[in-house]
């Protein structure tokens, strides 16, 4: 029920609220480790411009062997799978946990796509 409410709230209220919901979900789930500026930090790579980027593609971050071996790009489907369960997507990844709620994952992905 919570997921349905969140989805309806995000999409019925329009783009501004959707952006806020994505930012809130990002801050709740991702911001403790990931930044949105142009540089990575020692804990995690920047997520600025992640949508469409090569997986493990930044040169200023030392990715786990699991992500280096993954290949491909960060499509919506790959972002969703990774955010949902990082260890299923890339066993051995340095990201310890994900977001099980689909609506929140979709809000995070939409938000990340807006951060360029």
Protein backbone atom coordinates (compact mmCIF):
# COMPACT_ATOMS: atom_id res chain seq x y z
CA UNK A 1 0.00 0.00 0.00
CA UNK A 2 2.87 2.38 0.81
CA UNK A 3 4.41 1.82 -2.63
CA UNK A 4 1.10 2.48 -4.37
CA UNK A 5 0.57 5.69 -2.40
CA UNK A 6 4.12 6.85 -3.14
CA UNK A 7 3.69 6.10 -6.86
CA UNK A 8 0.36 7.91 -7.06
CA UNK A 9 1.71 10.86 -5.12
CA UNK A 10 4.76 11.19 -7.33
CA UNK A 11 3.02 10.89 -10.68
CA UNK A 12 -0.26 12.63 -9.89
CA UNK A 13 1.36 15.69 -8.40
CA UNK A 14 3.52 16.50 -11.39
CA UNK A 15 7.18 16.89 -12.29
CA UNK A 16 8.17 19.20 -9.44
CA UNK A 17 6.93 16.79 -6.80
CA UNK A 18 8.41 13.86 -8.70
CA UNK A 19 11.77 15.65 -8.65
CA UNK A 20 11.43 16.28 -4.91
CA UNK A 21 10.43 12.66 -4.27
CA UNK A 22 13.46 11.47 -6.23
CA UNK A 23 15.76 13.84 -4.37
CA UNK A 24 14.29 12.72 -1.05
CA UNK A 25 14.68 9.04 -1.94
CA UNK A 26 18.25 9.70 -3.12
CA UNK A 27 19.08 11.52 0.10
CA UNK A 28 17.56 8.73 2.20
CA UNK A 29 19.29 5.88 0.34
CA UNK A 30 22.33 7.10 -1.54
CA UNK A 31 23.69 10.44 -0.37
CA UNK A 32 25.55 9.07 2.67
CA UNK A 33 28.09 7.54 0.26
CA UNK A 34 27.46 8.99 -3.21
CA UNK A 35 27.88 12.60 -4.20
CA UNK A 36 26.36 14.45 -7.13
CA UNK A 37 29.25 16.76 -7.91
CA UNK A 38 31.78 16.06 -10.62
CA UNK A 39 34.27 14.15 -8.46
CA UNK A 40 34.05 10.78 -6.77
CA UNK A 41 35.00 10.34 -3.14
CA UNK A 42 36.96 7.49 -1.50
CA UNK A 43 33.75 5.69 -0.45
CA UNK A 44 31.72 5.75 -3.66
CA UNK A 45 31.70 7.16 -7.18
CA UNK A 46 29.82 10.31 -8.06
CA UNK A 47 26.39 9.63 -9.49
CA UNK A 48 26.35 12.82 -11.53
CA UNK A 49 25.73 11.69 -15.10
CA UNK A 50 25.44 8.01 -14.16
CA UNK A 51 22.46 7.35 -16.47
CA UNK A 52 23.86 6.03 -19.74
CA UNK A 53 27.43 5.89 -18.44
CA UNK A 54 29.55 2.76 -18.80
CA UNK A 55 29.33 0.57 -15.69
CA UNK A 56 32.52 1.12 -13.65
CA UNK A 57 33.43 3.76 -16.19
CA UNK A 58 34.85 6.60 -14.12
CA UNK A 59 38.61 6.89 -13.96
CA UNK A 60 38.65 8.63 -10.56
CA UNK A 61 37.16 5.71 -8.61
CA UNK A 62 38.51 2.22 -7.87
CA UNK A 63 35.48 0.01 -8.50
CA UNK A 64 35.06 -3.48 -7.10
CA UNK A 65 36.17 -6.34 -9.37
CA UNK A 66 32.48 -7.35 -9.53
CA UNK A 67 31.46 -4.07 -11.17
CA UNK A 68 34.56 -3.93 -13.36
CA UNK A 69 33.64 -7.35 -14.74
CA UNK A 70 29.97 -6.51 -15.25
CA UNK A 71 30.25 -4.57 -18.49
CA UNK A 72 27.50 -2.65 -20.21
CA UNK A 73 26.01 0.71 -19.39
CA UNK A 74 23.79 2.10 -16.68
CA UNK A 75 20.44 1.73 -18.40
CA UNK A 76 17.20 2.19 -16.47
CA UNK A 77 16.93 -1.59 -16.14
CA UNK A 78 20.51 -1.97 -14.88
CA UNK A 79 20.13 0.91 -12.43
CA UNK A 80 16.88 -0.59 -11.17
CA UNK A 81 18.40 -4.06 -10.71
CA UNK A 82 21.48 -2.67 -8.95
CA UNK A 83 19.57 -0.31 -6.67
CA UNK A 84 17.13 -3.10 -5.81
CA UNK A 85 19.76 -5.67 -4.86
CA UNK A 86 23.41 -4.76 -5.52
CA UNK A 87 24.71 -8.18 -4.50
CA UNK A 88 22.41 -10.00 -6.94
CA UNK A 89 23.33 -7.63 -9.76
CA UNK A 90 27.09 -7.79 -9.14
CA UNK A 91 28.03 -10.28 -6.38
CA UNK A 92 30.95 -8.83 -4.46
CA UNK A 93 30.02 -5.23 -5.21
CA UNK A 94 31.02 -2.71 -2.58
CA UNK A 95 27.43 -1.49 -2.22
CA UNK A 96 26.03 -3.37 0.75
CA UNK A 97 22.27 -2.90 0.42
CA UNK A 98 19.58 -1.60 -1.86
CA UNK A 99 16.07 -0.21 -1.98
CA UNK A 100 13.37 -2.88 -2.18
CA UNK A 101 10.53 -0.43 -2.92
CA UNK A 102 9.96 -0.17 -6.67
CA UNK A 103 8.39 3.29 -6.57
CA UNK A 104 11.31 4.70 -4.61
CA UNK A 105 13.80 3.06 -7.00
CA UNK A 106 12.00 4.60 -9.96
CA UNK A 107 12.04 8.00 -8.26
CA UNK A 108 15.79 7.67 -7.62
CA UNK A 109 16.44 6.70 -11.25
CA UNK A 110 14.36 9.61 -12.57
CA UNK A 111 16.24 11.94 -10.26
CA UNK A 112 19.63 10.57 -11.31
CA UNK A 113 18.69 11.04 -14.96
CA UNK A 114 18.05 14.72 -14.24
CA UNK A 115 21.48 15.25 -12.63
CA UNK A 116 23.90 15.86 -15.48
